Amino acid sequence: MNLEPLAAFHVELDPILDLGDSPWGRRRVINIVGGSFEGPRLSGTVLPGGADWQILHADGMASIDTRYTLRTHDGAHLYISTSGVRHGPPAVLDRLSRGEAVDPAEYYFRLFCRFETGDERYLWLNRTLAVASGARTAHAVRYDAYTLT
């Protein structure tokens, strides 16, 4: 098994909507408002309208659950879903929550990515699994995705 670069994603976000504590943790919804992605076989625009339906756990770990739509440079529409975790030392997570710039090496942010499309040019994505390493900024998430070959 190898990792092959797929694309670098820049996903722009609305402010966090805090829904409060639920039986599973603190529920937060972070709406996706746009962005872009660029890679050797995949590039285009992140469309507004998706979100991260996130759970913040008592130990500070965030469970990531995103679903949103991509438009490729040549007009195809792709559905992407990611699931993953973000955690780190409490002081680092506090800095992230305040919107400060934090080196991604100071915390763990990993994602599993799945794609879905009916566009014949990108049917290969329906059969492709990807993993990613992410970074959170004040108003966006950036991650580099790699296909598992």
C-alpha atoms as a PDB file:
ATOM      1  CA  MET A   1       0.000   0.000   0.000  1.00  0.00           C
ATOM      2  CA  ASN A   2       1.209   3.484  -0.897  1.00  0.00           C
ATOM      3  CA  LEU A   3      -0.034   7.049  -0.561  1.00  0.00           C
ATOM      4  CA  GLU A   4      -0.469   9.077  -3.741  1.00  0.00           C
ATOM      5  CA  PRO A   5      -1.127  12.858  -3.540  1.00  0.00           C
ATOM      6  CA  LEU A   6      -4.739  13.655  -4.433  1.00  0.00           C
ATOM      7  CA  ALA A   7      -5.298  17.346  -3.639  1.00  0.00           C
ATOM      8  CA  ALA A   8      -4.684  20.151  -1.176  1.00  0.00           C
ATOM      9  CA  PHE A   9      -8.007  21.444   0.165  1.00  0.00           C
ATOM     10  CA  HIS A  10      -8.762  24.887   1.572  1.00  0.00           C
ATOM     11  CA  VAL A  11     -12.257  24.884   3.110  1.00  0.00           C
ATOM     12  CA  GLU A  12     -13.629  28.248   4.300  1.00  0.00           C
ATOM     13  CA  LEU A  13     -15.875  28.218   7.355  1.00  0.00           C
ATOM     14  CA  ASP A  14     -18.571  30.274   9.062  1.00  0.00           C
ATOM     15  CA  PRO A  15     -18.241  30.867  12.819  1.00  0.00           C
ATOM     16  CA  ILE A  16     -18.994  27.854  15.028  1.00  0.00           C
ATOM     17  CA  LEU A  17     -22.623  27.279  15.995  1.00  0.00           C
ATOM     18  CA  ASP A  18     -22.561  25.779  19.497  1.00  0.00           C
ATOM     19  CA  LEU A  19     -25.640  23.619  20.103  1.00  0.00           C
ATOM     20  CA  GLY A  20     -24.618  22.725  23.660  1.00  0.00           C
ATOM     21  CA  ASP A  21     -23.988  19.480  25.475  1.00  0.00           C
ATOM     22  CA  SER A  22     -25.616  16.327  24.177  1.00  0.00           C
ATOM     23  CA  PRO A  23     -25.355  12.734  25.422  1.00  0.00           C
ATOM     24  CA  TRP A  24     -22.321  12.264  23.104  1.00  0.00           C
ATOM     25  CA  GLY A  25     -20.497  15.527  23.880  1.00  0.00           C
ATOM     26  CA  ARG A  26     -20.739  19.194  22.947  1.00  0.00           C
ATOM     27  CA  ARG A  27     -22.406  19.408  19.526  1.00  0.00           C
ATOM     28  CA  ARG A  28     -21.084  22.064  17.163  1.00  0.00           C
ATOM     29  CA  VAL A  29     -22.033  22.815  13.576  1.00  0.00           C
ATOM     30  CA  ILE A  30     -19.588  24.687  11.377  1.00  0.00           C
ATOM     31  CA  ASN A  31     -21.058  25.693   8.027  1.00  0.00           C
ATOM     32  CA  ILE A  32     -18.879  25.516   4.931  1.00  0.00           C
ATOM     33  CA  VAL A  33     -19.001  28.694   2.846  1.00  0.00           C
ATOM     34  CA  GLY A  34     -16.525  27.996   0.041  1.00  0.00           C
ATOM     35  CA  GLY A  35     -12.949  27.195  -0.774  1.00  0.00           C
ATOM     36  CA  SER A  36     -10.774  25.454  -3.314  1.00  0.00           C
ATOM     37  CA  PHE A  37      -8.790  22.295  -3.960  1.00  0.00           C
ATOM     38  CA  GLU A  38      -5.804  21.641  -6.197  1.00  0.00           C
ATOM     39  CA  GLY A  39      -3.985  18.444  -7.075  1.00  0.00           C
ATOM     40  CA  PRO A  40      -2.492  16.426  -9.904  1.00  0.00           C
ATOM     41  CA  ARG A  41      -5.817  14.764 -10.915  1.00  0.00           C
ATOM     42  CA  LEU A  42      -8.375  16.839  -9.033  1.00  0.00           C
ATOM     43  CA  SER A  43      -8.895  20.602  -8.774  1.00  0.00           C
ATOM     44  CA  GLY A  44     -11.743  23.064  -8.459  1.00  0.00           C
ATOM     45  CA  THR A  45     -14.017  24.877  -6.013  1.00  0.00           C
ATOM     46  CA  VAL A  46     -15.631  23.974  -2.695  1.00  0.00           C
ATOM     47  CA  LEU A  47     -19.294  24.975  -2.947  1.00  0.00           C
ATOM     48  CA  PRO A  48     -21.109  26.616  -0.037  1.00  0.00           C
ATOM     49  CA  GLY A  49     -23.797  24.642   1.750  1.00  0.00           C
ATOM     50  CA  GLY A  50     -22.125  21.763   3.556  1.00  0.00           C
ATOM     51  CA  ALA A  51     -21.008  21.616   7.171  1.00  0.00           C
ATOM     52  CA  ASP A  52     -18.998  19.870   9.842  1.00  0.00           C
ATOM     53  CA  TRP A  53     -21.381  18.274  12.363  1.00  0.00           C
ATOM     54  CA  GLN A  54     -18.744  18.047  15.056  1.00  0.00           C
ATOM     55  CA  ILE A  55     -18.730  16.614  18.580  1.00  0.00           C
ATOM     56  CA  LEU A  56     -16.343  18.137  21.109  1.00  0.00           C
ATOM     57  CA  HIS A  57     -15.554  15.568  23.812  1.00  0.00           C
ATOM     58  CA  ALA A  58     -14.775  16.261  27.467  1.00  0.00           C
ATOM     59  CA  ASP A  59     -11.054  15.580  26.908  1.00  0.00           C
ATOM     60  CA  GLY A  60     -10.930  18.244  24.162  1.00  0.00           C
ATOM     61  CA  MET A  61     -10.913  15.825  21.218  1.00  0.00           C
ATOM     62  CA  ALA A  62     -13.131  16.835  18.309  1.00  0.00           C
ATOM     63  CA  SER A  63     -14.861  14.143  16.236  1.00  0.00           C
ATOM     64  CA  ILE A  64     -15.092  15.467  12.682  1.00  0.00           C
ATOM     65  CA  ASP A  65     -18.067  14.638  10.396  1.00  0.00           C
ATOM     66  CA  THR A  66     -18.231  16.759   7.228  1.00  0.00           C
ATOM     67  CA  ARG A  67     -20.344  16.537   4.096  1.00  0.00           C
ATOM     68  CA  TYR A  68     -20.145  19.003   1.230  1.00  0.00           C
ATOM     69  CA  THR A  69     -20.011  19.444  -2.545  1.00  0.00           C
ATOM     70  CA  LEU A  70     -17.114  20.107  -4.883  1.00  0.00           C
ATOM     71  CA  ARG A  71     -17.144  21.486  -8.434  1.00  0.00           C
ATOM     72  CA  THR A  72     -14.136  20.428 -10.473  1.00  0.00           C
ATOM     73  CA  HIS A  73     -12.296  22.749 -12.848  1.00  0.00           C
ATOM     74  CA  ASP A  74     -14.110  21.030 -15.743  1.00  0.00           C
ATOM     75  CA  GLY A  75     -17.622  21.247 -14.287  1.00  0.00           C
ATOM     76  CA  ALA A  76     -18.156  17.893 -12.552  1.00  0.00           C
ATOM     77  CA  HIS A  77     -19.934  17.820  -9.187  1.00  0.00           C
ATOM     78  CA  LEU A  78     -18.550  15.594  -6.452  1.00  0.00           C
ATOM     79  CA  TYR A  79     -19.874  14.755  -3.007  1.00  0.00           C
ATOM     80  CA  ILE A  80     -17.216  14.448  -0.301  1.00  0.00           C
ATOM     81  CA  SER A  81     -17.572  13.222   3.252  1.00  0.00           C
ATOM     82  CA  THR A  82     -14.808  13.232   5.817  1.00  0.00           C
ATOM     83  CA  SER A  83     -14.588  11.725   9.265  1.00  0.00           C
ATOM     84  CA  GLY A  84     -11.717  12.068  11.643  1.00  0.00           C
ATOM     85  CA  VAL A  85     -10.319  13.401  14.878  1.00  0.00           C
ATOM     86  CA  ARG A  86      -8.487  16.459  16.119  1.00  0.00           C
ATOM     87  CA  HIS A  87      -6.804  16.453  19.524  1.00  0.00           C
ATOM     88  CA  GLY A  88      -3.792  17.818  21.308  1.00  0.00           C
ATOM     89  CA  PRO A  89      -2.532  19.329  24.553  1.00  0.00           C
ATOM     90  CA  PRO A  90      -5.135  21.535  26.291  1.00  0.00           C
ATOM     91  CA  ALA A  91      -3.038  24.711  25.896  1.00  0.00           C
ATOM     92  CA  VAL A  92      -2.713  24.113  22.140  1.00  0.00           C
ATOM     93  CA  LEU A  93      -6.446  23.417  21.754  1.00  0.00           C
ATOM     94  CA  ASP A  94      -7.201  26.629  23.694  1.00  0.00           C
ATOM     95  CA  ARG A  95      -5.067  28.610  21.236  1.00  0.00           C
ATOM     96  CA  LEU A  96      -6.888  26.996  18.304  1.00  0.00           C
ATOM     97  CA  SER A  97     -10.277  27.818  19.842  1.00  0.00           C
ATOM     98  CA  ARG A  98      -9.239  31.483  20.116  1.00  0.00           C
ATOM     99  CA  GLY A  99      -8.396  31.525  16.395  1.00  0.00           C
ATOM    100  CA  GLU A 100      -4.657  31.875  16.937  1.00  0.00           C
ATOM    101  CA  ALA A 101      -2.180  30.571  14.371  1.00  0.00           C
ATOM    102  CA  VAL A 102      -0.940  27.190  15.625  1.00  0.00           C
ATOM    103  CA  ASP A 103       1.650  24.980  13.948  1.00  0.00           C
ATOM    104  CA  PRO A 104      -0.205  21.788  12.884  1.00  0.00           C
ATOM    105  CA  ALA A 105       2.729  19.755  14.231  1.00  0.00           C
ATOM    106  CA  GLU A 106       1.526  20.739  17.742  1.00  0.00           C
ATOM    107  CA  TYR A 107      -1.739  18.771  17.438  1.00  0.00           C
ATOM    108  CA  TYR A 108      -3.175  15.719  15.682  1.00  0.00           C
ATOM    109  CA  PHE A 109      -5.756  16.308  12.925  1.00  0.00           C
ATOM    110  CA  ARG A 110      -6.400  13.364  10.594  1.00  0.00           C
ATOM    111  CA  LEU A 111      -9.265  12.588   8.240  1.00  0.00           C
ATOM    112  CA  PHE A 112     -10.685   9.723   6.219  1.00  0.00           C
ATOM    113  CA  CYS A 113     -12.235  10.921   2.920  1.00  0.00           C
ATOM    114  CA  ARG A 114     -14.864   9.309   0.673  1.00  0.00           C
ATOM    115  CA  PHE A 115     -16.169  10.612  -2.642  1.00  0.00           C
ATOM    116  CA  GLU A 116     -19.302  10.050  -4.700  1.00  0.00           C
ATOM    117  CA  THR A 117     -20.169  11.138  -8.231  1.00  0.00           C
ATOM    118  CA  GLY A 118     -22.028  10.067 -11.337  1.00  0.00           C
ATOM    119  CA  ASP A 119     -19.733  11.995 -13.683  1.00  0.00           C
ATOM    120  CA  GLU A 120     -17.939   9.475 -15.900  1.00  0.00           C
ATOM    121  CA  ARG A 121     -14.678  11.429 -15.811  1.00  0.00           C
ATOM    122  CA  TYR A 122     -14.442  10.947 -12.043  1.00  0.00           C
ATOM    123  CA  LEU A 123     -15.988   7.520 -11.465  1.00  0.00           C
ATOM    124  CA  TRP A 124     -12.580   6.371 -10.193  1.00  0.00           C
ATOM    125  CA  LEU A 125     -13.233   8.479  -7.066  1.00  0.00           C
ATOM    126  CA  ASN A 126     -16.215   6.279  -6.119  1.00  0.00           C
ATOM    127  CA  ARG A 127     -13.742   3.416  -5.676  1.00  0.00           C
ATOM    128  CA  THR A 128     -11.012   5.466  -4.014  1.00  0.00           C
ATOM    129  CA  LEU A 129     -10.287   5.860  -0.312  1.00  0.00           C
ATOM    130  CA  ALA A 130      -8.234   8.821   0.854  1.00  0.00           C
ATOM    131  CA  VAL A 131      -6.634   9.955   4.078  1.00  0.00           C
ATOM    132  CA  ALA A 132      -5.630  13.482   4.996  1.00  0.00           C
ATOM    133  CA  SER A 133      -3.613  15.506   7.448  1.00  0.00           C
ATOM    134  CA  GLY A 134      -5.283  18.761   8.440  1.00  0.00           C
ATOM    135  CA  ALA A 135      -4.709  22.163   9.972  1.00  0.00           C
ATOM    136  CA  ARG A 136      -7.284  24.535  11.473  1.00  0.00           C
ATOM    137  CA  THR A 137      -7.013  28.293  11.045  1.00  0.00           C
ATOM    138  CA  ALA A 138      -9.329  30.986  12.402  1.00  0.00           C
ATOM    139  CA  HIS A 139     -11.688  30.826   9.393  1.00  0.00           C
ATOM    140  CA  ALA A 140     -10.726  27.711   7.445  1.00  0.00           C
ATOM    141  CA  VAL A 141      -9.491  24.156   7.438  1.00  0.00           C
ATOM    142  CA  ARG A 142      -6.643  23.100   5.205  1.00  0.00           C
ATOM    143  CA  TYR A 143      -5.783  19.509   4.514  1.00  0.00           C
ATOM    144  CA  ASP A 144      -3.643  17.485   2.165  1.00  0.00           C
ATOM    145  CA  ALA A 145      -5.436  14.357   0.916  1.00  0.00           C
ATOM    146  CA  TYR A 146      -3.715  11.208  -0.340  1.00  0.00           C
ATOM    147  CA  THR A 147      -5.282   8.210  -2.053  1.00  0.00           C
ATOM    148  CA  LEU A 148      -4.548   4.758  -0.664  1.00  0.00           C
ATOM    149  CA  THR A 149      -3.200   2.738  -3.566  1.00  0.00           C
END
